[in-house]
Amino acid sequence: MEQIKDFFTNKYIYIPIILWIVIQSFKVLYDLVKYKKFNFRRIMGAGGMPSSHSAIVMSLTTLVGKDLGVSSPEFAIALIFSCVVMYDAAGVRRAAGKQARILNKIIETPGMTNVQVQEKLVEFLGHTPIEVFVGAIIGILAGMFL
C-alpha cells in the first residue's frame, strides 16, 4: 500500500501528468471557443499550441535539475531525452503530418487515383518550432514553481 501512495505523491510523476491534463484541456477549450465545436479527440491528440510533449519533458528535466543539480547524470539523461522528444515533435512528426495532408488531398482529388481508403490519414501530428518552444517554457516554469 505504501508503494501506491509513494507513486501518487512522487512529484516526478504527478507534476508532468497534471501539466499534460491542463495543456490538453486548454486545447479542447480553445477549439470549443474558436470552432464552436467540442472536439474530444484533442484530449488525447497530438499537435497544437502549446506542445504538451515539450512541457512534460522539460518540467521533468527542470525538477531533476533543481533536486539533483545540473551536473548530475540524471539531469543529463533527462535533458538529452527532452531534446530528442522535442526534435521529434517539431521534426519527424511534423513532417509526417505534412505528408498525410498531401496524401489526403491526392486521394480526395477525383481522377488522381483509384485508391480506396477507409479513413483519412491523421494530419495533426507534430508541432511548429514555436509550439515546441512555448511548451518547453511552460514546462520549465512548472518545474521551477510547482
N, C-alpha and C. Protein backbone atom coordinates (compact mmCIF):
# COMPACT_ATOMS: atom_id res chain seq x y z
N MET A 1 0.82 -1.19 0.00
CA MET A 1 0.00 0.00 0.00
C MET A 1 0.87 1.26 0.00
N GLU A 2 1.99 1.19 0.69
CA GLU A 2 2.90 2.33 0.76
C GLU A 2 3.46 2.69 -0.62
N GLN A 3 3.69 1.67 -1.44
CA GLN A 3 4.21 1.92 -2.78
C GLN A 3 3.21 2.67 -3.65
N ILE A 4 1.94 2.38 -3.49
CA ILE A 4 0.90 3.10 -4.25
C ILE A 4 0.87 4.56 -3.82
N LYS A 5 0.94 4.79 -2.51
CA LYS A 5 0.97 6.16 -2.01
C LYS A 5 2.21 6.89 -2.53
N ASP A 6 3.35 6.22 -2.48
CA ASP A 6 4.59 6.82 -2.98
C ASP A 6 4.48 7.17 -4.46
N PHE A 7 3.84 6.31 -5.23
CA PHE A 7 3.68 6.56 -6.66
C PHE A 7 2.90 7.85 -6.90
N PHE A 8 1.78 8.01 -6.20
CA PHE A 8 0.92 9.17 -6.42
C PHE A 8 1.41 10.45 -5.75
N THR A 9 2.38 10.34 -4.87
CA THR A 9 2.94 11.54 -4.25
C THR A 9 4.32 11.88 -4.80
N ASN A 10 4.74 11.18 -5.84
CA ASN A 10 6.03 11.42 -6.48
C ASN A 10 5.88 12.60 -7.45
N LYS A 11 6.51 13.71 -7.10
CA LYS A 11 6.37 14.92 -7.93
C LYS A 11 6.91 14.73 -9.34
N TYR A 12 7.81 13.78 -9.52
CA TYR A 12 8.33 13.50 -10.86
C TYR A 12 7.28 12.82 -11.73
N ILE A 13 6.23 12.34 -11.11
CA ILE A 13 5.12 11.73 -11.84
C ILE A 13 3.93 12.68 -11.90
N TYR A 14 3.50 13.19 -10.74
CA TYR A 14 2.24 13.94 -10.75
C TYR A 14 2.34 15.32 -11.38
N ILE A 15 3.47 16.01 -11.28
CA ILE A 15 3.57 17.33 -11.91
C ILE A 15 3.48 17.24 -13.43
N PRO A 16 4.26 16.36 -14.10
CA PRO A 16 4.09 16.24 -15.55
C PRO A 16 2.69 15.78 -15.97
N ILE A 17 2.09 14.88 -15.20
CA ILE A 17 0.75 14.40 -15.56
C ILE A 17 -0.28 15.53 -15.42
N ILE A 18 -0.21 16.28 -14.34
CA ILE A 18 -1.13 17.40 -14.16
C ILE A 18 -0.91 18.43 -15.27
N LEU A 19 0.34 18.69 -15.60
CA LEU A 19 0.66 19.64 -16.66
C LEU A 19 0.06 19.17 -17.99
N TRP A 20 0.19 17.89 -18.29
CA TRP A 20 -0.37 17.34 -19.52
C TRP A 20 -1.89 17.53 -19.55
N ILE A 21 -2.57 17.22 -18.43
CA ILE A 21 -4.03 17.37 -18.35
C ILE A 21 -4.43 18.82 -18.57
N VAL A 22 -3.71 19.75 -17.95
CA VAL A 22 -4.04 21.17 -18.08
C VAL A 22 -3.86 21.63 -19.53
N ILE A 23 -2.76 21.26 -20.15
CA ILE A 23 -2.49 21.70 -21.52
C ILE A 23 -3.49 21.09 -22.50
N GLN A 24 -3.76 19.80 -22.38
CA GLN A 24 -4.70 19.16 -23.29
C GLN A 24 -6.11 19.73 -23.08
N SER A 25 -6.48 20.03 -21.84
CA SER A 25 -7.79 20.64 -21.56
C SER A 25 -7.87 22.03 -22.18
N PHE A 26 -6.77 22.78 -22.10
CA PHE A 26 -6.71 24.10 -22.74
C PHE A 26 -6.98 23.97 -24.24
N LYS A 27 -6.38 22.96 -24.88
CA LYS A 27 -6.57 22.77 -26.31
C LYS A 27 -8.03 22.48 -26.64
N VAL A 28 -8.69 21.69 -25.80
CA VAL A 28 -10.11 21.39 -26.01
C VAL A 28 -10.93 22.67 -25.89
N LEU A 29 -10.67 23.45 -24.83
CA LEU A 29 -11.41 24.70 -24.63
C LEU A 29 -11.14 25.70 -25.76
N TYR A 30 -9.89 25.77 -26.19
CA TYR A 30 -9.53 26.67 -27.29
C TYR A 30 -10.32 26.30 -28.56
N ASP A 31 -10.36 25.00 -28.88
CA ASP A 31 -11.12 24.56 -30.05
C ASP A 31 -12.61 24.85 -29.89
N LEU A 32 -13.11 24.70 -28.67
CA LEU A 32 -14.52 24.96 -28.40
C LEU A 32 -14.86 26.44 -28.66
N VAL A 33 -13.99 27.33 -28.20
CA VAL A 33 -14.21 28.76 -28.41
C VAL A 33 -14.01 29.14 -29.87
N LYS A 34 -12.95 28.66 -30.47
CA LYS A 34 -12.61 29.06 -31.84
C LYS A 34 -13.56 28.46 -32.88
N TYR A 35 -13.87 27.17 -32.75
CA TYR A 35 -14.66 26.48 -33.78
C TYR A 35 -16.11 26.23 -33.35
N LYS A 36 -16.44 26.60 -32.12
CA LYS A 36 -17.80 26.39 -31.58
C LYS A 36 -18.20 24.91 -31.64
N LYS A 37 -17.20 24.06 -31.41
CA LYS A 37 -17.42 22.62 -31.50
C LYS A 37 -16.56 21.93 -30.46
N PHE A 38 -17.16 20.98 -29.73
CA PHE A 38 -16.40 20.22 -28.74
C PHE A 38 -15.69 19.08 -29.46
N ASN A 39 -14.37 19.06 -29.37
CA ASN A 39 -13.57 18.04 -30.04
C ASN A 39 -12.85 17.21 -28.99
N PHE A 40 -13.46 16.11 -28.59
CA PHE A 40 -12.89 15.26 -27.54
C PHE A 40 -11.55 14.66 -27.96
N ARG A 41 -11.31 14.52 -29.24
CA ARG A 41 -10.04 13.96 -29.72
C ARG A 41 -8.84 14.80 -29.31
N ARG A 42 -9.07 16.08 -29.03
CA ARG A 42 -7.97 16.96 -28.62
C ARG A 42 -7.39 16.54 -27.27
N ILE A 43 -8.18 15.85 -26.45
CA ILE A 43 -7.67 15.38 -25.15
C ILE A 43 -6.48 14.45 -25.36
N MET A 44 -6.60 13.51 -26.26
CA MET A 44 -5.54 12.53 -26.48
C MET A 44 -4.70 12.82 -27.72
N GLY A 45 -5.13 13.78 -28.53
CA GLY A 45 -4.45 14.04 -29.79
C GLY A 45 -3.16 14.81 -29.64
N ALA A 46 -2.34 14.69 -30.68
CA ALA A 46 -1.07 15.39 -30.71
C ALA A 46 -1.20 16.67 -31.52
N GLY A 47 -0.22 17.53 -31.40
CA GLY A 47 -0.19 18.76 -32.18
C GLY A 47 -0.90 19.90 -31.48
N GLY A 48 -0.66 21.09 -31.99
CA GLY A 48 -1.32 22.27 -31.46
C GLY A 48 -0.47 23.04 -30.46
N MET A 49 -0.97 24.21 -30.11
CA MET A 49 -0.27 25.13 -29.20
C MET A 49 -0.81 24.99 -27.80
N PRO A 50 0.03 24.85 -26.82
CA PRO A 50 1.46 24.56 -26.86
C PRO A 50 1.70 23.06 -26.91
N SER A 51 2.93 22.67 -27.12
CA SER A 51 3.28 21.26 -27.15
C SER A 51 3.28 20.69 -25.73
N SER A 52 2.35 19.78 -25.47
CA SER A 52 2.32 19.15 -24.15
C SER A 52 3.50 18.20 -23.98
N HIS A 53 3.96 17.60 -25.08
CA HIS A 53 5.13 16.74 -25.00
C HIS A 53 6.34 17.53 -24.49
N SER A 54 6.55 18.70 -25.07
CA SER A 54 7.68 19.54 -24.66
C SER A 54 7.53 20.00 -23.21
N ALA A 55 6.32 20.36 -22.83
CA ALA A 55 6.08 20.81 -21.46
C ALA A 55 6.36 19.70 -20.46
N ILE A 56 5.91 18.51 -20.76
CA ILE A 56 6.10 17.38 -19.84
C ILE A 56 7.58 17.08 -19.65
N VAL A 57 8.30 16.92 -20.76
CA VAL A 57 9.70 16.52 -20.61
C VAL A 57 10.55 17.63 -20.00
N MET A 58 10.23 18.88 -20.31
CA MET A 58 11.02 19.97 -19.72
C MET A 58 10.67 20.20 -18.25
N SER A 59 9.43 19.93 -17.85
CA SER A 59 9.11 20.02 -16.42
C SER A 59 9.88 18.95 -15.66
N LEU A 60 9.94 17.77 -16.21
CA LEU A 60 10.69 16.68 -15.58
C LEU A 60 12.18 17.00 -15.52
N THR A 61 12.72 17.52 -16.61
CA THR A 61 14.13 17.91 -16.64
C THR A 61 14.43 19.00 -15.61
N THR A 62 13.55 19.96 -15.51
CA THR A 62 13.73 21.05 -14.55
C THR A 62 13.68 20.54 -13.12
N LEU A 63 12.74 19.65 -12.83
CA LEU A 63 12.65 19.06 -11.49
C LEU A 63 13.93 18.31 -11.13
N VAL A 64 14.43 17.54 -12.06
CA VAL A 64 15.66 16.79 -11.82
C VAL A 64 16.83 17.75 -11.60
N GLY A 65 16.92 18.79 -12.42
CA GLY A 65 17.99 19.78 -12.27
C GLY A 65 17.94 20.50 -10.94
N LYS A 66 16.71 20.84 -10.51
CA LYS A 66 16.54 21.53 -9.22
C LYS A 66 16.95 20.63 -8.05
N ASP A 67 16.53 19.39 -8.09
CA ASP A 67 16.75 18.49 -6.95
C ASP A 67 18.13 17.83 -6.93
N LEU A 68 18.63 17.46 -8.09
CA LEU A 68 19.88 16.71 -8.14
C LEU A 68 21.05 17.51 -8.69
N GLY A 69 20.76 18.68 -9.23
CA GLY A 69 21.81 19.53 -9.78
C GLY A 69 22.00 19.31 -11.27
N VAL A 70 22.41 20.38 -11.93
CA VAL A 70 22.57 20.30 -13.39
C VAL A 70 23.84 19.55 -13.80
N SER A 71 24.68 19.20 -12.84
CA SER A 71 25.87 18.40 -13.16
C SER A 71 25.64 16.91 -12.90
N SER A 72 24.43 16.53 -12.49
CA SER A 72 24.14 15.13 -12.20
C SER A 72 23.92 14.34 -13.49
N PRO A 73 24.23 13.05 -13.46
CA PRO A 73 23.95 12.21 -14.63
C PRO A 73 22.45 12.15 -14.94
N GLU A 74 21.63 12.19 -13.90
CA GLU A 74 20.18 12.14 -14.11
C GLU A 74 19.67 13.36 -14.89
N PHE A 75 20.24 14.53 -14.59
CA PHE A 75 19.85 15.73 -15.32
C PHE A 75 20.29 15.61 -16.78
N ALA A 76 21.49 15.12 -17.01
CA ALA A 76 21.98 14.96 -18.38
C ALA A 76 21.07 14.01 -19.17
N ILE A 77 20.68 12.91 -18.55
CA ILE A 77 19.79 11.96 -19.21
C ILE A 77 18.45 12.62 -19.52
N ALA A 78 17.88 13.32 -18.54
CA ALA A 78 16.60 13.98 -18.73
C ALA A 78 16.67 15.04 -19.83
N LEU A 79 17.75 15.81 -19.85
CA LEU A 79 17.90 16.86 -20.86
C LEU A 79 18.03 16.29 -22.27
N ILE A 80 18.85 15.27 -22.42
CA ILE A 80 19.01 14.64 -23.74
C ILE A 80 17.69 14.01 -24.19
N PHE A 81 17.01 13.35 -23.26
CA PHE A 81 15.70 12.76 -23.55
C PHE A 81 14.73 13.86 -24.00
N SER A 82 14.73 14.99 -23.31
CA SER A 82 13.85 16.11 -23.67
C SER A 82 14.16 16.64 -25.06
N CYS A 83 15.43 16.77 -25.37
CA CYS A 83 15.82 17.27 -26.71
C CYS A 83 15.36 16.31 -27.81
N VAL A 84 15.46 15.02 -27.58
CA VAL A 84 15.02 14.03 -28.57
C VAL A 84 13.50 14.14 -28.77
N VAL A 85 12.76 14.23 -27.67
CA VAL A 85 11.30 14.33 -27.76
C VAL A 85 10.89 15.60 -28.50
N MET A 86 11.53 16.73 -28.17
CA MET A 86 11.16 17.99 -28.81
C MET A 86 11.58 18.02 -30.29
N TYR A 87 12.71 17.44 -30.61
CA TYR A 87 13.13 17.34 -32.01
C TYR A 87 12.13 16.50 -32.79
N ASP A 88 11.73 15.39 -32.21
CA ASP A 88 10.76 14.51 -32.86
C ASP A 88 9.44 15.23 -33.09
N ALA A 89 8.98 15.99 -32.09
CA ALA A 89 7.71 16.71 -32.20
C ALA A 89 7.74 17.74 -33.32
N ALA A 90 8.84 18.48 -33.42
CA ALA A 90 8.94 19.56 -34.41
C ALA A 90 9.48 19.08 -35.75
N GLY A 91 10.12 17.94 -35.77
CA GLY A 91 10.74 17.46 -37.00
C GLY A 91 10.00 16.30 -37.63
N VAL A 92 10.21 15.13 -37.07
CA VAL A 92 9.70 13.90 -37.67
C VAL A 92 8.17 13.87 -37.72
N ARG A 93 7.53 14.13 -36.57
CA ARG A 93 6.06 14.05 -36.54
C ARG A 93 5.43 15.16 -37.37
N ARG A 94 6.04 16.33 -37.38
CA ARG A 94 5.51 17.43 -38.20
C ARG A 94 5.60 17.08 -39.68
N ALA A 95 6.72 16.48 -40.09
CA ALA A 95 6.88 16.07 -41.49
C ALA A 95 5.86 14.99 -41.85
N ALA A 96 5.61 14.07 -40.94
CA ALA A 96 4.61 13.02 -41.20
C ALA A 96 3.21 13.63 -41.36
N GLY A 97 2.91 14.65 -40.58
CA GLY A 97 1.63 15.34 -40.71
C GLY A 97 1.49 16.05 -42.04
N LYS A 98 2.58 16.68 -42.51
CA LYS A 98 2.54 17.34 -43.82
C LYS A 98 2.34 16.32 -44.94
N GLN A 99 3.02 15.17 -44.83
CA GLN A 99 2.85 14.12 -45.83
C GLN A 99 1.43 13.59 -45.82
N ALA A 100 0.85 13.42 -44.64
CA ALA A 100 -0.53 12.94 -44.54
C ALA A 100 -1.48 13.92 -45.21
N ARG A 101 -1.27 15.22 -45.03
CA ARG A 101 -2.12 16.24 -45.64
C ARG A 101 -2.06 16.14 -47.17
N ILE A 102 -0.86 15.97 -47.72
CA ILE A 102 -0.70 15.86 -49.17
C ILE A 102 -1.35 14.59 -49.69
N LEU A 103 -1.14 13.48 -49.00
CA LEU A 103 -1.73 12.21 -49.43
C LEU A 103 -3.26 12.27 -49.37
N ASN A 104 -3.81 12.91 -48.33
CA ASN A 104 -5.27 13.06 -48.25
C ASN A 104 -5.80 13.86 -49.43
N LYS A 105 -5.07 14.92 -49.82
CA LYS A 105 -5.51 15.73 -50.97
C LYS A 105 -5.46 14.91 -52.26
N ILE A 106 -4.42 14.12 -52.43
CA ILE A 106 -4.29 13.29 -53.63
C ILE A 106 -5.44 12.29 -53.70
N ILE A 107 -5.73 11.64 -52.59
CA ILE A 107 -6.79 10.64 -52.55
C ILE A 107 -8.16 11.26 -52.80
N GLU A 108 -8.36 12.49 -52.31
CA GLU A 108 -9.66 13.17 -52.45
C GLU A 108 -9.86 13.79 -53.84
N THR A 109 -8.80 13.94 -54.62
CA THR A 109 -8.90 14.57 -55.94
C THR A 109 -9.47 13.56 -56.93
N PRO A 110 -10.63 13.88 -57.52
CA PRO A 110 -11.23 12.96 -58.49
C PRO A 110 -10.31 12.72 -59.68
N GLY A 111 -10.19 11.46 -60.07
CA GLY A 111 -9.39 11.11 -61.23
C GLY A 111 -7.90 10.98 -60.97
N MET A 112 -7.43 11.40 -59.80
CA MET A 112 -5.99 11.33 -59.50
C MET A 112 -5.57 9.90 -59.16
N THR A 113 -6.42 9.19 -58.46
CA THR A 113 -6.06 7.85 -58.04
C THR A 113 -7.32 7.03 -57.83
N ASN A 114 -7.18 5.74 -57.93
CA ASN A 114 -8.31 4.87 -57.67
C ASN A 114 -8.11 4.10 -56.35
N VAL A 115 -7.31 4.66 -55.49
CA VAL A 115 -7.03 4.05 -54.19
C VAL A 115 -8.25 4.25 -53.29
N GLN A 116 -8.69 3.17 -52.69
CA GLN A 116 -9.81 3.23 -51.75
C GLN A 116 -9.25 3.23 -50.33
N VAL A 117 -9.70 4.16 -49.52
CA VAL A 117 -9.25 4.23 -48.13
C VAL A 117 -10.45 4.21 -47.20
N GLN A 118 -10.25 3.64 -46.03
CA GLN A 118 -11.31 3.56 -45.03
C GLN A 118 -11.47 4.89 -44.29
N GLU A 119 -10.36 5.56 -44.03
CA GLU A 119 -10.41 6.82 -43.31
C GLU A 119 -9.24 7.69 -43.73
N LYS A 120 -9.38 8.98 -43.48
CA LYS A 120 -8.31 9.92 -43.81
C LYS A 120 -7.11 9.69 -42.88
N LEU A 121 -5.94 10.00 -43.38
CA LEU A 121 -4.75 9.97 -42.54
C LEU A 121 -4.78 11.13 -41.56
N VAL A 122 -4.22 10.93 -40.39
CA VAL A 122 -4.17 11.97 -39.37
C VAL A 122 -3.14 13.01 -39.80
N GLU A 123 -3.57 14.26 -39.91
CA GLU A 123 -2.70 15.33 -40.36
C GLU A 123 -2.10 16.14 -39.22
N PHE A 124 -2.74 16.12 -38.09
CA PHE A 124 -2.34 16.96 -36.96
C PHE A 124 -1.46 16.15 -36.02
N LEU A 125 -0.20 15.96 -36.40
CA LEU A 125 0.68 15.09 -35.62
C LEU A 125 1.76 15.84 -34.85
N GLY A 126 2.41 16.75 -35.50
CA GLY A 126 3.57 17.40 -34.92
C GLY A 126 3.31 18.82 -34.50
N HIS A 127 4.40 19.52 -34.26
CA HIS A 127 4.33 20.89 -33.78
C HIS A 127 5.24 21.80 -34.58
N THR A 128 4.87 23.05 -34.64
CA THR A 128 5.77 24.05 -35.19
C THR A 128 6.85 24.31 -34.14
N PRO A 129 7.98 24.86 -34.56
CA PRO A 129 9.01 25.18 -33.57
C PRO A 129 8.52 26.10 -32.44
N ILE A 130 7.64 27.04 -32.75
CA ILE A 130 7.14 27.94 -31.71
C ILE A 130 6.26 27.19 -30.71
N GLU A 131 5.47 26.22 -31.17
CA GLU A 131 4.66 25.41 -30.27
C GLU A 131 5.54 24.60 -29.33
N VAL A 132 6.64 24.08 -29.86
CA VAL A 132 7.59 23.33 -29.03
C VAL A 132 8.27 24.27 -28.03
N PHE A 133 8.67 25.44 -28.48
CA PHE A 133 9.34 26.41 -27.61
C PHE A 133 8.42 26.85 -26.48
N VAL A 134 7.18 27.18 -26.79
CA VAL A 134 6.24 27.62 -25.76
C VAL A 134 5.97 26.48 -24.77
N GLY A 135 5.81 25.28 -25.27
CA GLY A 135 5.63 24.12 -24.39
C GLY A 135 6.81 23.93 -23.47
N ALA A 136 8.03 24.08 -24.01
CA ALA A 136 9.24 23.94 -23.20
C ALA A 136 9.29 25.00 -22.10
N ILE A 137 8.95 26.24 -22.44
CA ILE A 137 8.95 27.32 -21.43
C ILE A 137 7.93 27.03 -20.34
N ILE A 138 6.73 26.60 -20.73
CA ILE A 138 5.71 26.24 -19.73
C ILE A 138 6.21 25.12 -18.83
N GLY A 139 6.87 24.13 -19.42
CA GLY A 139 7.41 23.02 -18.64
C GLY A 139 8.48 23.47 -17.66
N ILE A 140 9.35 24.34 -18.10
CA ILE A 140 10.41 24.85 -17.22
C ILE A 140 9.79 25.63 -16.06
N LEU A 141 8.82 26.48 -16.37
CA LEU A 141 8.16 27.26 -15.31
C LEU A 141 7.43 26.35 -14.32
N ALA A 142 6.75 25.35 -14.85
CA ALA A 142 6.04 24.41 -13.98
C ALA A 142 7.02 23.66 -13.07
N GLY A 143 8.13 23.22 -13.64
CA GLY A 143 9.14 22.52 -12.86
C GLY A 143 9.78 23.40 -11.79
N MET A 144 9.90 24.68 -12.10
CA MET A 144 10.53 25.61 -11.13
C MET A 144 9.58 25.99 -10.01
N PHE A 145 8.29 26.15 -10.32
CA PHE A 145 7.39 26.76 -9.34
C PHE A 145 6.33 25.84 -8.76
N LEU A 146 6.15 24.64 -9.29
CA LEU A 146 5.15 23.74 -8.72
C LEU A 146 5.77 22.78 -7.72
